Structures are given as structure tokens and as C-alpha cells.
PDB file of all heavy atoms in Angstrom:
ATOM      1  N   ASP A   1      14.288   9.026 -21.236  1.00  0.00           N
ATOM      2  CA  ASP A   1      13.695   9.947 -20.202  1.00  0.00           C
ATOM      3  C   ASP A   1      14.396   9.914 -18.851  1.00  0.00           C
ATOM      4  O   ASP A   1      14.177  10.755 -17.909  1.00  0.00           O
ATOM      5  CB  ASP A   1      12.186   9.636 -19.898  1.00  0.00           C
ATOM      6  CG  ASP A   1      11.334   9.797 -21.227  1.00  0.00           C
ATOM      7  OD1 ASP A   1      11.957  10.126 -22.278  1.00  0.00           O
ATOM      8  OD2 ASP A   1      10.171   9.536 -21.118  1.00  0.00           O
ATOM      9  N   ALA A   2      15.303   8.843 -18.534  1.00  0.00           N
ATOM     10  CA  ALA A   2      15.878   8.693 -17.194  1.00  0.00           C
ATOM     11  C   ALA A   2      17.071   9.655 -17.115  1.00  0.00           C
ATOM     12  O   ALA A   2      18.241   9.123 -17.043  1.00  0.00           O
ATOM     13  CB  ALA A   2      16.245   7.248 -17.011  1.00  0.00           C
ATOM     14  N   ILE A   3      16.869  10.838 -16.978  1.00  0.00           N
ATOM     15  CA  ILE A   3      18.004  11.901 -16.877  1.00  0.00           C
ATOM     16  C   ILE A   3      18.192  12.374 -15.455  1.00  0.00           C
ATOM     17  O   ILE A   3      19.190  12.183 -14.881  1.00  0.00           O
ATOM     18  CB  ILE A   3      17.690  13.044 -17.774  1.00  0.00           C
ATOM     19  CG1 ILE A   3      17.654  12.580 -19.280  1.00  0.00           C
ATOM     20  CG2 ILE A   3      18.722  14.195 -17.748  1.00  0.00           C
ATOM     21  CD1 ILE A   3      16.507  12.964 -20.069  1.00  0.00           C
ATOM     22  N   GLY A   4      17.171  13.036 -14.838  1.00  0.00           N
ATOM     23  CA  GLY A   4      17.218  13.427 -13.468  1.00  0.00           C
ATOM     24  C   GLY A   4      17.228  12.103 -12.638  1.00  0.00           C
ATOM     25  O   GLY A   4      17.937  12.135 -11.586  1.00  0.00           O
ATOM     26  N   GLY A   5      16.612  11.104 -12.945  1.00  0.00           N
ATOM     27  CA  GLY A   5      16.475   9.945 -12.237  1.00  0.00           C
ATOM     28  C   GLY A   5      15.371   9.011 -12.693  1.00  0.00           C
ATOM     29  O   GLY A   5      14.615   9.328 -13.455  1.00  0.00           O
ATOM     30  N   THR A   6      15.384   7.789 -12.035  1.00  0.00           N
ATOM     31  CA  THR A   6      14.335   6.802 -12.299  1.00  0.00           C
ATOM     32  C   THR A   6      13.594   6.547 -10.972  1.00  0.00           C
ATOM     33  O   THR A   6      14.265   6.316  -9.905  1.00  0.00           O
ATOM     34  CB  THR A   6      14.875   5.493 -12.784  1.00  0.00           C
ATOM     35  OG1 THR A   6      15.584   5.763 -14.006  1.00  0.00           O
ATOM     36  CG2 THR A   6      13.766   4.510 -13.037  1.00  0.00           C
ATOM     37  N   VAL A   7      12.229   6.659 -10.920  1.00  0.00           N
ATOM     38  CA  VAL A   7      11.477   6.407  -9.734  1.00  0.00           C
ATOM     39  C   VAL A   7      10.615   5.126 -10.049  1.00  0.00           C
ATOM     40  O   VAL A   7      10.007   5.092 -11.031  1.00  0.00           O
ATOM     41  CB  VAL A   7      10.471   7.552  -9.408  1.00  0.00           C
ATOM     42  CG1 VAL A   7       9.641   7.233  -8.212  1.00  0.00           C
ATOM     43  CG2 VAL A   7      11.326   8.856  -9.163  1.00  0.00           C
ATOM     44  N   ASN A   8      10.643   4.252  -9.145  1.00  0.00           N
ATOM     45  CA  ASN A   8      10.010   2.972  -9.271  1.00  0.00           C
ATOM     46  C   ASN A   8       8.965   2.891  -8.130  1.00  0.00           C
ATOM     47  O   ASN A   8       9.407   2.756  -6.903  1.00  0.00           O
ATOM     48  CB  ASN A   8      10.939   1.757  -9.255  1.00  0.00           C
ATOM     49  CG  ASN A   8      10.441   0.590  -9.997  1.00  0.00           C
ATOM     50  OD1 ASN A   8       9.217   0.426 -10.234  1.00  0.00           O
ATOM     51  ND2 ASN A   8      11.255  -0.446 -10.207  1.00  0.00           N
ATOM     52  N   ALA A   9       7.751   2.825  -8.423  1.00  0.00           N
ATOM     53  CA  ALA A   9       6.727   2.672  -7.409  1.00  0.00           C
ATOM     54  C   ALA A   9       6.112   1.242  -7.454  1.00  0.00           C
ATOM     55  O   ALA A   9       5.595   0.667  -8.411  1.00  0.00           O
ATOM     56  CB  ALA A   9       5.467   3.621  -7.746  1.00  0.00           C
ATOM     57  N   PHE A  10       6.257   0.586  -6.265  1.00  0.00           N
ATOM     58  CA  PHE A  10       5.899  -0.832  -6.127  1.00  0.00           C
ATOM     59  C   PHE A  10       4.590  -0.970  -5.425  1.00  0.00           C
ATOM     60  O   PHE A  10       4.312  -0.364  -4.327  1.00  0.00           O
ATOM     61  CB  PHE A  10       6.942  -1.559  -5.358  1.00  0.00           C
ATOM     62  CG  PHE A  10       8.296  -1.610  -6.071  1.00  0.00           C
ATOM     63  CD1 PHE A  10       9.291  -0.608  -5.932  1.00  0.00           C
ATOM     64  CD2 PHE A  10       8.622  -2.698  -6.869  1.00  0.00           C
ATOM     65  CE1 PHE A  10      10.548  -0.686  -6.507  1.00  0.00           C
ATOM     66  CE2 PHE A  10       9.882  -2.805  -7.526  1.00  0.00           C
ATOM     67  CZ  PHE A  10      10.786  -1.759  -7.344  1.00  0.00           C
ATOM     68  N   THR A  11       3.733  -1.694  -6.035  1.00  0.00           N
ATOM     69  CA  THR A  11       2.390  -1.813  -5.572  1.00  0.00           C
ATOM     70  C   THR A  11       2.186  -2.790  -4.428  1.00  0.00           C
ATOM     71  O   THR A  11       3.050  -3.706  -4.254  1.00  0.00           O
ATOM     72  CB  THR A  11       1.316  -2.155  -6.705  1.00  0.00           C
ATOM     73  OG1 THR A  11       1.810  -3.440  -7.218  1.00  0.00           O
ATOM     74  CG2 THR A  11       1.357  -1.179  -7.891  1.00  0.00           C
ATOM     75  N   LYS A  12       1.099  -2.575  -3.703  1.00  0.00           N
ATOM     76  CA  LYS A  12       0.830  -3.548  -2.543  1.00  0.00           C
ATOM     77  C   LYS A  12       0.407  -4.867  -3.071  1.00  0.00           C
ATOM     78  O   LYS A  12      -0.249  -4.962  -4.057  1.00  0.00           O
ATOM     79  CB  LYS A  12      -0.233  -2.908  -1.577  1.00  0.00           C
ATOM     80  CG  LYS A  12       0.264  -1.764  -0.790  1.00  0.00           C
ATOM     81  CD  LYS A  12      -0.836  -1.254   0.078  1.00  0.00           C
ATOM     82  CE  LYS A  12      -0.453  -0.029   0.863  1.00  0.00           C
ATOM     83  NZ  LYS A  12      -1.585   0.530   1.725  1.00  0.00           N
ATOM     84  N   GLY A  13       0.815  -5.911  -2.308  1.00  0.00           N
ATOM     85  CA  GLY A  13       0.296  -7.292  -2.526  1.00  0.00           C
ATOM     86  C   GLY A  13      -0.439  -7.907  -1.443  1.00  0.00           C
ATOM     87  O   GLY A  13      -0.538  -7.245  -0.361  1.00  0.00           O
ATOM     88  N   SER A  14      -0.782  -9.054  -1.515  1.00  0.00           N
ATOM     89  CA  SER A  14      -1.406  -9.763  -0.399  1.00  0.00           C
ATOM     90  C   SER A  14      -0.516 -10.315   0.709  1.00  0.00           C
ATOM     91  O   SER A  14      -0.944 -10.556   1.773  1.00  0.00           O
ATOM     92  CB  SER A  14      -2.241 -10.956  -0.971  1.00  0.00           C
ATOM     93  OG  SER A  14      -1.311 -11.925  -1.508  1.00  0.00           O
ATOM     94  N   GLY A  15       0.775 -10.332   0.384  1.00  0.00           N
ATOM     95  CA  GLY A  15       1.767 -10.970   1.350  1.00  0.00           C
ATOM     96  C   GLY A  15       1.552 -12.426   1.540  1.00  0.00           C
ATOM     97  O   GLY A  15       1.954 -12.994   2.627  1.00  0.00           O
ATOM     98  N   PHE A  16       1.081 -13.085   0.597  1.00  0.00           N
ATOM     99  CA  PHE A  16       0.730 -14.548   0.775  1.00  0.00           C
ATOM    100  C   PHE A  16       1.867 -15.429   0.972  1.00  0.00           C
ATOM    101  O   PHE A  16       1.874 -16.444   1.584  1.00  0.00           O
ATOM    102  CB  PHE A  16      -0.142 -15.143  -0.477  1.00  0.00           C
ATOM    103  CG  PHE A  16       0.803 -15.326  -1.615  1.00  0.00           C
ATOM    104  CD1 PHE A  16       1.121 -16.653  -1.999  1.00  0.00           C
ATOM    105  CD2 PHE A  16       1.297 -14.311  -2.453  1.00  0.00           C
ATOM    106  CE1 PHE A  16       1.826 -16.913  -3.188  1.00  0.00           C
ATOM    107  CE2 PHE A  16       2.062 -14.579  -3.657  1.00  0.00           C
ATOM    108  CZ  PHE A  16       2.357 -15.906  -3.934  1.00  0.00           C
ATOM    109  N   LEU A  17       3.155 -15.025   0.543  1.00  0.00           N
ATOM    110  CA  LEU A  17       4.366 -15.765   0.767  1.00  0.00           C
ATOM    111  C   LEU A  17       4.881 -15.689   2.142  1.00  0.00           C
ATOM    112  O   LEU A  17       5.724 -16.510   2.593  1.00  0.00           O
ATOM    113  CB  LEU A  17       5.467 -15.295  -0.102  1.00  0.00           C
ATOM    114  CG  LEU A  17       5.131 -15.533  -1.603  1.00  0.00           C
ATOM    115  CD1 LEU A  17       6.348 -15.003  -2.466  1.00  0.00           C
ATOM    116  CD2 LEU A  17       5.120 -17.105  -1.948  1.00  0.00           C
ATOM    117  N   SER A  18       4.336 -14.793   3.053  1.00  0.00           N
ATOM    118  CA  SER A  18       4.725 -14.656   4.426  1.00  0.00           C
ATOM    119  C   SER A  18       3.753 -15.330   5.265  1.00  0.00           C
ATOM    120  O   SER A  18       3.931 -15.418   6.562  1.00  0.00           O
ATOM    121  CB  SER A  18       4.782 -13.232   4.860  1.00  0.00           C
ATOM    122  OG  SER A  18       3.525 -12.522   4.740  1.00  0.00           O
ATOM    123  N   GLU A  19       2.674 -15.989   4.752  1.00  0.00           N
ATOM    124  CA  GLU A  19       1.731 -16.691   5.509  1.00  0.00           C
ATOM    125  C   GLU A  19       2.071 -18.161   5.556  1.00  0.00           C
ATOM    126  O   GLU A  19       2.833 -18.778   4.733  1.00  0.00           O
ATOM    127  CB  GLU A  19       0.286 -16.626   4.903  1.00  0.00           C
ATOM    128  CG  GLU A  19      -0.223 -15.131   4.794  1.00  0.00           C
ATOM    129  CD  GLU A  19      -0.613 -14.624   6.122  1.00  0.00           C
ATOM    130  OE1 GLU A  19      -0.814 -15.488   7.057  1.00  0.00           O
ATOM    131  OE2 GLU A  19      -0.813 -13.465   6.152  1.00  0.00           O
ATOM    132  N   ALA A  20       1.631 -18.871   6.571  1.00  0.00           N
ATOM    133  CA  ALA A  20       1.904 -20.347   6.796  1.00  0.00           C
ATOM    134  C   ALA A  20       1.308 -21.096   5.517  1.00  0.00           C
ATOM    135  O   ALA A  20       0.283 -20.768   5.002  1.00  0.00           O
ATOM    136  CB  ALA A  20       1.334 -20.972   8.038  1.00  0.00           C
ATOM    137  N   GLU A  21       2.104 -22.184   5.099  1.00  0.00           N
ATOM    138  CA  GLU A  21       1.710 -22.902   3.975  1.00  0.00           C
ATOM    139  C   GLU A  21       0.364 -23.486   4.076  1.00  0.00           C
ATOM    140  O   GLU A  21       0.085 -24.226   5.034  1.00  0.00           O
ATOM    141  CB  GLU A  21       2.776 -23.904   3.631  1.00  0.00           C
ATOM    142  CG  GLU A  21       2.541 -24.632   2.353  1.00  0.00           C
ATOM    143  CD  GLU A  21       3.671 -25.601   1.973  1.00  0.00           C
ATOM    144  OE1 GLU A  21       4.700 -25.713   2.748  1.00  0.00           O
ATOM    145  OE2 GLU A  21       3.544 -26.324   0.883  1.00  0.00           O
ATOM    146  N   GLY A  22      -0.501 -23.288   2.982  1.00  0.00           N
ATOM    147  CA  GLY A  22      -1.805 -23.937   2.983  1.00  0.00           C
ATOM    148  C   GLY A  22      -2.863 -23.223   3.819  1.00  0.00           C
ATOM    149  O   GLY A  22      -4.044 -23.527   3.641  1.00  0.00           O
ATOM    150  N   SER A  23      -2.473 -22.297   4.780  1.00  0.00           N
ATOM    151  CA  SER A  23      -3.553 -21.698   5.621  1.00  0.00           C
ATOM    152  C   SER A  23      -4.355 -20.657   4.801  1.00  0.00           C
ATOM    153  O   SER A  23      -3.690 -19.824   4.041  1.00  0.00           O
ATOM    154  CB  SER A  23      -2.741 -21.068   6.823  1.00  0.00           C
ATOM    155  OG  SER A  23      -1.986 -20.043   6.395  1.00  0.00           O
ATOM    156  N   PHE A  24      -5.568 -20.534   5.031  1.00  0.00           N
ATOM    157  CA  PHE A  24      -6.351 -19.519   4.489  1.00  0.00           C
ATOM    158  C   PHE A  24      -6.291 -18.222   5.346  1.00  0.00           C
ATOM    159  O   PHE A  24      -6.373 -18.356   6.578  1.00  0.00           O
ATOM    160  CB  PHE A  24      -7.871 -20.020   4.386  1.00  0.00           C
ATOM    161  CG  PHE A  24      -8.778 -19.050   3.604  1.00  0.00           C
ATOM    162  CD1 PHE A  24      -8.737 -18.939   2.225  1.00  0.00           C
ATOM    163  CD2 PHE A  24      -9.472 -18.195   4.321  1.00  0.00           C
ATOM    164  CE1 PHE A  24      -9.601 -18.028   1.544  1.00  0.00           C
ATOM    165  CE2 PHE A  24     -10.350 -17.210   3.679  1.00  0.00           C
ATOM    166  CZ  PHE A  24     -10.362 -17.179   2.242  1.00  0.00           C
ATOM    167  N   PHE A  25      -6.173 -17.164   4.653  1.00  0.00           N
ATOM    168  CA  PHE A  25      -6.024 -15.956   5.490  1.00  0.00           C
ATOM    169  C   PHE A  25      -6.909 -14.860   4.870  1.00  0.00           C
ATOM    170  O   PHE A  25      -7.198 -14.768   3.618  1.00  0.00           O
ATOM    171  CB  PHE A  25      -4.584 -15.480   5.481  1.00  0.00           C
ATOM    172  CG  PHE A  25      -4.055 -15.034   4.114  1.00  0.00           C
ATOM    173  CD1 PHE A  25      -4.098 -13.683   3.711  1.00  0.00           C
ATOM    174  CD2 PHE A  25      -3.417 -15.963   3.302  1.00  0.00           C
ATOM    175  CE1 PHE A  25      -3.622 -13.300   2.476  1.00  0.00           C
ATOM    176  CE2 PHE A  25      -2.861 -15.525   2.153  1.00  0.00           C
ATOM    177  CZ  PHE A  25      -3.003 -14.277   1.676  1.00  0.00           C
ATOM    178  N   THR A  26      -7.327 -13.854   5.738  1.00  0.00           N
ATOM    179  CA  THR A  26      -8.102 -12.758   5.372  1.00  0.00           C
ATOM    180  C   THR A  26      -7.607 -11.648   6.239  1.00  0.00           C
ATOM    181  O   THR A  26      -7.479 -11.783   7.468  1.00  0.00           O
ATOM    182  CB  THR A  26      -9.552 -12.847   5.454  1.00  0.00           C
ATOM    183  OG1 THR A  26      -9.914 -13.114   6.779  1.00  0.00           O
ATOM    184  CG2 THR A  26     -10.146 -13.982   4.557  1.00  0.00           C
ATOM    185  N   HIS A  27      -7.205 -10.517   5.708  1.00  0.00           N
ATOM    186  CA  HIS A  27      -6.889  -9.364   6.503  1.00  0.00           C
ATOM    187  C   HIS A  27      -7.100  -8.081   5.686  1.00  0.00           C
ATOM    188  O   HIS A  27      -7.111  -8.155   4.360  1.00  0.00           O
ATOM    189  CB  HIS A  27      -5.447  -9.378   7.060  1.00  0.00           C
ATOM    190  CG  HIS A  27      -4.387  -9.648   5.997  1.00  0.00           C
ATOM    191  ND1 HIS A  27      -3.988  -8.690   5.101  1.00  0.00           N
ATOM    192  CD2 HIS A  27      -3.645 -10.863   5.818  1.00  0.00           C
ATOM    193  CE1 HIS A  27      -3.069  -9.293   4.324  1.00  0.00           C
ATOM    194  NE2 HIS A  27      -2.894 -10.496   4.719  1.00  0.00           N
ATOM    195  N   GLY A  28      -7.290  -7.015   6.383  1.00  0.00           N
ATOM    196  CA  GLY A  28      -7.573  -5.765   5.625  1.00  0.00           C
ATOM    197  C   GLY A  28      -7.244  -4.516   6.450  1.00  0.00           C
ATOM    198  O   GLY A  28      -6.706  -4.634   7.513  1.00  0.00           O
ATOM    199  N   GLN A  29      -7.342  -3.351   5.804  1.00  0.00           N
ATOM    200  CA  GLN A  29      -6.993  -2.145   6.452  1.00  0.00           C
ATOM    201  C   GLN A  29      -7.818  -0.984   5.904  1.00  0.00           C
ATOM    202  O   GLN A  29      -8.196  -0.929   4.751  1.00  0.00           O
ATOM    203  CB  GLN A  29      -5.531  -1.894   6.153  1.00  0.00           C
ATOM    204  CG  GLN A  29      -4.958  -0.548   6.711  1.00  0.00           C
ATOM    205  CD  GLN A  29      -3.493  -0.373   6.453  1.00  0.00           C
ATOM    206  OE1 GLN A  29      -2.715  -1.259   6.723  1.00  0.00           O
ATOM    207  NE2 GLN A  29      -3.058   0.853   5.960  1.00  0.00           N
ATOM    208  N   ALA A  30      -8.234  -0.114   6.795  1.00  0.00           N
ATOM    209  CA  ALA A  30      -9.010   1.149   6.490  1.00  0.00           C
ATOM    210  C   ALA A  30      -8.245   2.360   6.946  1.00  0.00           C
ATOM    211  O   ALA A  30      -7.705   2.350   8.067  1.00  0.00           O
ATOM    212  CB  ALA A  30     -10.274   1.155   7.045  1.00  0.00           C
ATOM    213  N   ASP A  31      -8.099   3.310   6.054  1.00  0.00           N
ATOM    214  CA  ASP A  31      -7.341   4.548   6.400  1.00  0.00           C
ATOM    215  C   ASP A  31      -8.184   5.747   6.232  1.00  0.00           C
ATOM    216  O   ASP A  31      -9.017   5.820   5.258  1.00  0.00           O
ATOM    217  CB  ASP A  31      -6.046   4.715   5.578  1.00  0.00           C
ATOM    218  CG  ASP A  31      -5.071   3.626   5.738  1.00  0.00           C
ATOM    219  OD1 ASP A  31      -4.356   3.555   6.686  1.00  0.00           O
ATOM    220  OD2 ASP A  31      -5.050   2.626   4.863  1.00  0.00           O
ATOM    221  N   TYR A  32      -8.069   6.765   7.130  1.00  0.00           N
ATOM    222  CA  TYR A  32      -8.763   7.945   6.941  1.00  0.00           C
ATOM    223  C   TYR A  32      -7.772   9.104   7.267  1.00  0.00           C
ATOM    224  O   TYR A  32      -7.023   9.029   8.201  1.00  0.00           O
ATOM    225  CB  TYR A  32      -9.905   8.082   7.889  1.00  0.00           C
ATOM    226  CG  TYR A  32     -10.646   9.293   7.894  1.00  0.00           C
ATOM    227  CD1 TYR A  32     -11.373   9.812   6.720  1.00  0.00           C
ATOM    228  CD2 TYR A  32     -10.585  10.267   9.005  1.00  0.00           C
ATOM    229  CE1 TYR A  32     -11.979  11.110   6.798  1.00  0.00           C
ATOM    230  CE2 TYR A  32     -11.186  11.411   8.956  1.00  0.00           C
ATOM    231  CZ  TYR A  32     -11.954  11.861   7.884  1.00  0.00           C
ATOM    232  OH  TYR A  32     -12.542  13.069   7.877  1.00  0.00           O
ATOM    233  N   ARG A  33      -7.800  10.157   6.382  1.00  0.00           N
ATOM    234  CA  ARG A  33      -6.964  11.369   6.581  1.00  0.00           C
ATOM    235  C   ARG A  33      -7.877  12.584   6.486  1.00  0.00           C
ATOM    236  O   ARG A  33      -8.664  12.770   5.478  1.00  0.00           O
ATOM    237  CB  ARG A  33      -5.940  11.418   5.438  1.00  0.00           C
ATOM    238  CG  ARG A  33      -4.999  12.661   5.534  1.00  0.00           C
ATOM    239  CD  ARG A  33      -4.156  12.747   4.366  1.00  0.00           C
ATOM    240  NE  ARG A  33      -3.222  13.896   4.397  1.00  0.00           N
ATOM    241  CZ  ARG A  33      -3.630  15.146   3.807  1.00  0.00           C
ATOM    242  NH1 ARG A  33      -4.774  15.340   3.499  1.00  0.00           N
ATOM    243  NH2 ARG A  33      -2.715  16.198   3.915  1.00  0.00           N
ATOM    244  N   TYR A  34      -7.658  13.427   7.446  1.00  0.00           N
ATOM    245  CA  TYR A  34      -8.431  14.777   7.456  1.00  0.00           C
ATOM    246  C   TYR A  34      -7.325  15.798   7.623  1.00  0.00           C
ATOM    247  O   TYR A  34      -6.391  15.772   8.388  1.00  0.00           O
ATOM    248  CB  TYR A  34      -9.319  14.888   8.642  1.00  0.00           C
ATOM    249  CG  TYR A  34      -9.905  16.196   8.929  1.00  0.00           C
ATOM    250  CD1 TYR A  34     -10.772  16.736   7.997  1.00  0.00           C
ATOM    251  CD2 TYR A  34      -9.392  17.073   9.876  1.00  0.00           C
ATOM    252  CE1 TYR A  34     -11.362  17.962   8.211  1.00  0.00           C
ATOM    253  CE2 TYR A  34      -9.939  18.421  10.058  1.00  0.00           C
ATOM    254  CZ  TYR A  34     -10.895  18.902   9.259  1.00  0.00           C
ATOM    255  OH  TYR A  34     -11.362  20.047   9.436  1.00  0.00           O
ATOM    256  N   ALA A  35      -7.451  16.933   6.755  1.00  0.00           N
ATOM    257  CA  ALA A  35      -6.624  18.121   6.844  1.00  0.00           C
ATOM    258  C   ALA A  35      -7.452  19.292   6.955  1.00  0.00           C
ATOM    259  O   ALA A  35      -8.276  19.636   6.177  1.00  0.00           O
ATOM    260  CB  ALA A  35      -5.724  18.105   5.593  1.00  0.00           C
ATOM    261  N   SER A  36      -7.170  20.115   8.138  1.00  0.00           N
ATOM    262  CA  SER A  36      -8.071  21.209   8.421  1.00  0.00           C
ATOM    263  C   SER A  36      -7.825  22.459   7.452  1.00  0.00           C
ATOM    264  O   SER A  36      -8.723  23.176   7.145  1.00  0.00           O
ATOM    265  CB  SER A  36      -7.859  21.718   9.726  1.00  0.00           C
ATOM    266  OG  SER A  36      -6.567  22.150  10.018  1.00  0.00           O
ATOM    267  N   ALA A  37      -6.595  22.540   7.006  1.00  0.00           N
ATOM    268  CA  ALA A  37      -6.239  23.601   6.168  1.00  0.00           C
ATOM    269  C   ALA A  37      -6.790  23.741   4.798  1.00  0.00           C
ATOM    270  O   ALA A  37      -6.786  24.738   4.191  1.00  0.00           O
ATOM    271  CB  ALA A  37      -4.747  23.822   6.041  1.00  0.00           C
ATOM    272  N   GLU A  38      -7.325  22.572   4.335  1.00  0.00           N
ATOM    273  CA  GLU A  38      -8.067  22.507   3.143  1.00  0.00           C
ATOM    274  C   GLU A  38      -9.351  21.696   3.270  1.00  0.00           C
ATOM    275  O   GLU A  38     -10.071  21.396   2.290  1.00  0.00           O
ATOM    276  CB  GLU A  38      -7.153  21.884   1.987  1.00  0.00           C
ATOM    277  CG  GLU A  38      -6.693  20.435   2.329  1.00  0.00           C
ATOM    278  CD  GLU A  38      -5.829  19.874   1.307  1.00  0.00           C
ATOM    279  OE1 GLU A  38      -5.429  20.606   0.326  1.00  0.00           O
ATOM    280  OE2 GLU A  38      -5.475  18.660   1.465  1.00  0.00           O
ATOM    281  N   ARG A  39      -9.660  21.338   4.542  1.00  0.00           N
ATOM    282  CA  ARG A  39     -10.860  20.698   4.885  1.00  0.00           C
ATOM    283  C   ARG A  39     -11.079  19.445   4.009  1.00  0.00           C
ATOM    284  O   ARG A  39     -12.100  19.239   3.354  1.00  0.00           O
ATOM    285  CB  ARG A  39     -12.104  21.519   4.871  1.00  0.00           C
ATOM    286  CG  ARG A  39     -12.017  22.598   5.901  1.00  0.00           C
ATOM    287  CD  ARG A  39     -13.240  23.491   5.953  1.00  0.00           C
ATOM    288  NE  ARG A  39     -13.141  24.563   6.876  1.00  0.00           N
ATOM    289  CZ  ARG A  39     -14.097  25.498   7.095  1.00  0.00           C
ATOM    290  NH1 ARG A  39     -15.163  25.472   6.399  1.00  0.00           N
ATOM    291  NH2 ARG A  39     -13.896  26.424   7.961  1.00  0.00           N
ATOM    292  N   SER A  40      -9.933  18.672   3.792  1.00  0.00           N
ATOM    293  CA  SER A  40      -9.980  17.549   2.909  1.00  0.00           C
ATOM    294  C   SER A  40     -10.280  16.189   3.621  1.00  0.00           C
ATOM    295  O   SER A  40      -9.945  16.173   4.790  1.00  0.00           O
ATOM    296  CB  SER A  40      -8.660  17.481   2.178  1.00  0.00           C
ATOM    297  OG  SER A  40      -7.634  17.160   2.995  1.00  0.00           O
ATOM    298  N   HIS A  41     -10.861  15.348   2.953  1.00  0.00           N
ATOM    299  CA  HIS A  41     -11.122  14.031   3.485  1.00  0.00           C
ATOM    300  C   HIS A  41     -10.709  12.950   2.547  1.00  0.00           C
ATOM    301  O   HIS A  41     -11.089  12.887   1.382  1.00  0.00           O
ATOM    302  CB  HIS A  41     -12.660  13.807   3.835  1.00  0.00           C
ATOM    303  CG  HIS A  41     -13.196  14.890   4.637  1.00  0.00           C
ATOM    304  ND1 HIS A  41     -13.357  14.638   6.042  1.00  0.00           N
ATOM    305  CD2 HIS A  41     -13.756  16.180   4.419  1.00  0.00           C
ATOM    306  CE1 HIS A  41     -13.934  15.739   6.503  1.00  0.00           C
ATOM    307  NE2 HIS A  41     -14.148  16.635   5.643  1.00  0.00           N
TER     308      HIS A  41
END
């Protein structure tokens, strides 16, 4: 199937390898998108 090309979608992780060793971490994110031309939420 890889004729036009190959697309690889990489999922989000926690990023634990970028945190200080042994430290407990919590973080989060909320996103909201509104579009008037289709009144979508």
C-alpha cells in the first residue's frame, strides 16, 4: 500500500523522560475549538 507515500502518526506520551529523576509530576491540558461557519464545538 505504500505507493503515494507512508504517513506515520505518533501519539502523545507523558514526557516522563524529560522530568527530573524520581520526581512525581502531574500536568494536563484542556483545548476548546469553535468554528462559526459550521457552529462546531
